[in-house]
Protein backbone atom coordinates (compact mmCIF):
# COMPACT_ATOMS: atom_id res chain seq x y z
CA MET A 1 11.47 8.96 -92.15
CA VAL A 2 14.67 10.19 -93.32
CA LYS A 3 16.03 8.39 -90.16
CA ARG A 4 14.44 5.26 -91.01
CA ASN A 5 15.60 5.62 -94.79
CA SER A 6 19.13 5.67 -93.12
CA LEU A 7 18.66 3.22 -91.40
CA LEU A 8 18.15 0.36 -93.76
CA LEU A 9 20.30 1.89 -96.35
CA LEU A 10 23.34 1.38 -93.62
CA LEU A 11 21.82 -2.30 -92.77
CA VAL A 12 21.67 -2.80 -96.54
CA PHE A 13 25.36 -1.81 -96.63
CA MET A 14 26.81 -3.66 -94.15
CA THR A 15 25.17 -7.01 -95.49
CA LEU A 16 26.96 -6.32 -98.98
CA MET A 17 30.13 -6.05 -97.34
CA SER A 18 29.87 -9.12 -94.89
CA CYS A 19 29.09 -11.14 -98.20
CA LYS A 20 32.81 -9.59 -99.48
CA LYS A 21 35.87 -11.92 -100.23
CA GLU A 22 38.76 -10.31 -98.70
CA THR A 23 41.77 -10.15 -101.42
CA PHE A 24 44.75 -11.18 -100.43
CA TYR A 25 47.15 -11.50 -103.47
CA ASP A 26 46.64 -9.96 -106.60
CA SER A 27 49.09 -10.02 -109.87
CA TYR A 28 49.27 -10.32 -113.26
CA GLN A 29 52.07 -11.06 -115.62
CA ARG A 30 51.64 -9.59 -119.65
CA VAL A 31 51.84 -11.69 -122.67
CA ASP A 32 53.48 -10.14 -125.63
CA GLY A 33 51.98 -11.09 -129.02
CA ALA A 34 51.38 -14.86 -127.97
CA TRP A 35 51.67 -17.32 -124.74
CA SER A 36 54.81 -19.89 -125.67
CA LYS A 37 53.87 -23.56 -124.44
CA ASP A 38 57.26 -22.81 -122.69
CA ASP A 39 56.72 -19.72 -121.21
CA VAL A 40 55.56 -20.82 -117.55
CA LYS A 41 54.56 -17.95 -115.74
CA SER A 42 55.52 -17.48 -111.48
CA PHE A 43 53.72 -16.07 -108.93
CA GLU A 44 55.40 -15.26 -105.28
CA VAL A 45 53.16 -15.63 -102.65
CA THR A 46 54.71 -15.33 -98.74
CA GLN A 47 51.50 -16.81 -96.31
CA GLU A 48 51.92 -16.77 -92.63
CA ASP A 49 48.29 -17.82 -91.95
CA THR A 50 47.88 -21.84 -91.97
CA LEU A 51 44.23 -21.58 -90.18
CA SER A 52 42.14 -19.26 -92.50
CA THR A 53 40.82 -20.92 -96.04
CA TYR A 54 41.12 -19.17 -99.52
CA ASN A 55 39.55 -19.14 -102.54
CA LEU A 56 42.41 -19.61 -105.56
CA PHE A 57 42.03 -17.88 -108.99
CA LEU A 58 43.62 -17.66 -112.60
CA ASN A 59 42.76 -14.68 -114.29
CA ILE A 60 43.11 -14.20 -117.91
CA ARG A 61 42.75 -11.62 -120.19
CA ASN A 62 41.96 -12.43 -123.68
CA ASN A 63 40.77 -10.85 -127.08
CA LYS A 64 39.18 -11.83 -130.30
CA GLU A 65 42.37 -13.45 -131.60
CA TYR A 66 41.91 -16.45 -128.95
CA ALA A 67 40.71 -18.96 -131.34
CA PHE A 68 39.90 -21.92 -129.16
CA SER A 69 37.48 -22.60 -126.95
CA ASN A 70 38.53 -23.82 -124.36
CA LEU A 71 41.97 -23.36 -122.25
CA PHE A 72 44.08 -26.16 -121.05
CA VAL A 73 46.51 -24.66 -118.28
CA ILE A 74 49.20 -26.44 -115.56
CA VAL A 75 48.99 -24.90 -112.42
CA LYS A 76 51.81 -26.29 -110.11
CA VAL A 77 52.29 -24.83 -106.49
CA GLU A 78 55.87 -25.09 -104.99
CA GLN A 79 57.16 -24.57 -101.67
CA PRO A 80 61.43 -24.42 -101.17
CA ASN A 81 62.67 -27.67 -102.68
CA GLU A 82 58.91 -29.53 -102.42
CA ILE A 83 56.24 -29.38 -104.79
CA VAL A 84 53.32 -29.26 -102.69
CA TRP A 85 50.41 -30.00 -105.53
CA VAL A 86 50.01 -30.01 -109.46
CA ASP A 87 46.60 -30.14 -111.46
CA THR A 88 45.96 -29.70 -114.84
CA LEU A 89 42.44 -27.83 -115.29
CA GLU A 90 40.50 -27.23 -118.51
CA TYR A 91 38.29 -23.91 -118.76
CA GLN A 92 35.65 -23.05 -121.25
CA MET A 93 36.65 -19.70 -123.04
CA ALA A 94 33.79 -19.17 -125.53
CA GLU A 95 30.23 -20.18 -126.25
CA PRO A 96 29.47 -22.81 -129.16
CA ASP A 97 28.86 -19.84 -131.83
CA GLY A 98 32.53 -18.48 -130.88
CA THR A 99 31.42 -15.68 -128.51
CA LEU A 100 34.25 -15.26 -125.89
CA LEU A 101 33.16 -15.90 -122.23
CA GLY A 102 34.00 -13.31 -119.78
CA THR A 103 33.88 -10.00 -118.34
CA GLY A 104 34.03 -6.56 -120.41
CA PHE A 105 32.68 -4.22 -122.97
CA SER A 106 35.53 -4.14 -125.23
CA ASP A 107 37.34 -6.90 -127.49
CA VAL A 108 39.27 -7.79 -124.43
CA LYS A 109 37.66 -10.21 -122.08
CA GLU A 110 38.64 -11.02 -118.68
CA ASN A 111 38.38 -14.55 -117.06
CA LYS A 112 37.93 -15.39 -113.21
CA LEU A 113 38.64 -18.94 -113.03
CA TRP A 114 38.56 -21.27 -110.34
CA ILE A 115 41.86 -23.05 -109.57
CA LYS A 116 41.03 -24.40 -105.57
CA GLU A 117 38.27 -23.59 -103.35
CA GLY A 118 38.23 -23.47 -99.30
CA TYR A 119 42.18 -24.00 -99.78
CA VAL A 120 44.13 -24.27 -96.50
CA PHE A 121 48.07 -23.12 -97.05
CA PRO A 122 49.59 -26.60 -95.07
CA VAL A 123 52.86 -24.70 -93.57
CA LYS A 124 53.84 -21.05 -93.37
CA GLY A 125 56.19 -19.80 -95.94
CA ASP A 126 57.29 -18.70 -99.43
CA TYR A 127 55.28 -20.28 -102.43
CA THR A 128 55.16 -20.07 -105.88
CA PHE A 129 52.53 -20.63 -108.20
CA LYS A 130 53.74 -21.74 -111.77
CA VAL A 131 51.24 -21.54 -114.84
CA GLU A 132 51.64 -23.17 -118.43
CA GLN A 133 49.63 -23.10 -121.14
CA VAL A 134 49.37 -26.82 -122.70
CA VAL A 135 46.57 -26.12 -125.27
CA ARG A 136 46.64 -28.75 -128.05
CA GLU A 137 45.02 -28.36 -131.64
CA ILE A 138 42.98 -31.79 -132.45
CA GLY A 139 44.91 -34.35 -133.31
CA ASP A 140 48.51 -32.60 -132.43
CA VAL A 141 50.20 -34.29 -129.88
CA GLU A 142 53.08 -31.36 -129.27
CA GLY A 143 50.43 -28.52 -128.47
CA VAL A 144 50.17 -24.99 -129.82
CA GLU A 145 53.84 -23.31 -129.92
CA LEU A 146 52.83 -20.00 -129.88
CA LEU A 147 49.23 -19.78 -128.20
CA LYS A 148 47.71 -15.76 -129.28
CA GLY A 149 44.80 -14.01 -128.00
CA ILE A 150 45.70 -14.13 -124.58
CA SER A 151 47.31 -10.59 -122.94
CA GLU A 152 47.83 -11.24 -119.57
CA ILE A 153 47.82 -13.91 -116.51
CA GLY A 154 47.05 -13.38 -112.95
CA ILE A 155 46.76 -15.53 -109.97
CA GLN A 156 44.24 -14.21 -107.19
CA ILE A 157 44.13 -15.18 -103.72
CA GLU A 158 40.82 -14.37 -101.91
CA LYS A 159 40.61 -15.21 -97.84
CA THR A 160 37.11 -16.31 -97.50
CA LYS A 161 34.77 -15.06 -94.44
């Protein structure tokens, strides 16, 4: 009986591990007080694998000072002397009643937000991921100068299996 339970436990463990994603890159940058619209966060990644697929994520840590229900960012990926791609992305950050989305039991919430799914890096080399906030108040063309409530911004890259 003990042998059967051990075998079953091993089978369950192996099944769970086979579904696990392999984190290739995971880095955060702190935001001191507020995220300025002029503060472009840069993340340097060296990639040698041009065959595998990867999921790209923007990780945001925010707190109750974040006053918006959504977040707009521009993500730009560059190689030396070449822009690979640029995308403007919108993420829901709060419920309609103002409750912040994300994981965490304290005032700080962590949001793992999709950038791209199943991405294949086109060439080997160094890539720079640049992230800038472009949040706007309703009716404001200029945008929010200092975005309060964001404490850290990160890029995470997972190799899919």
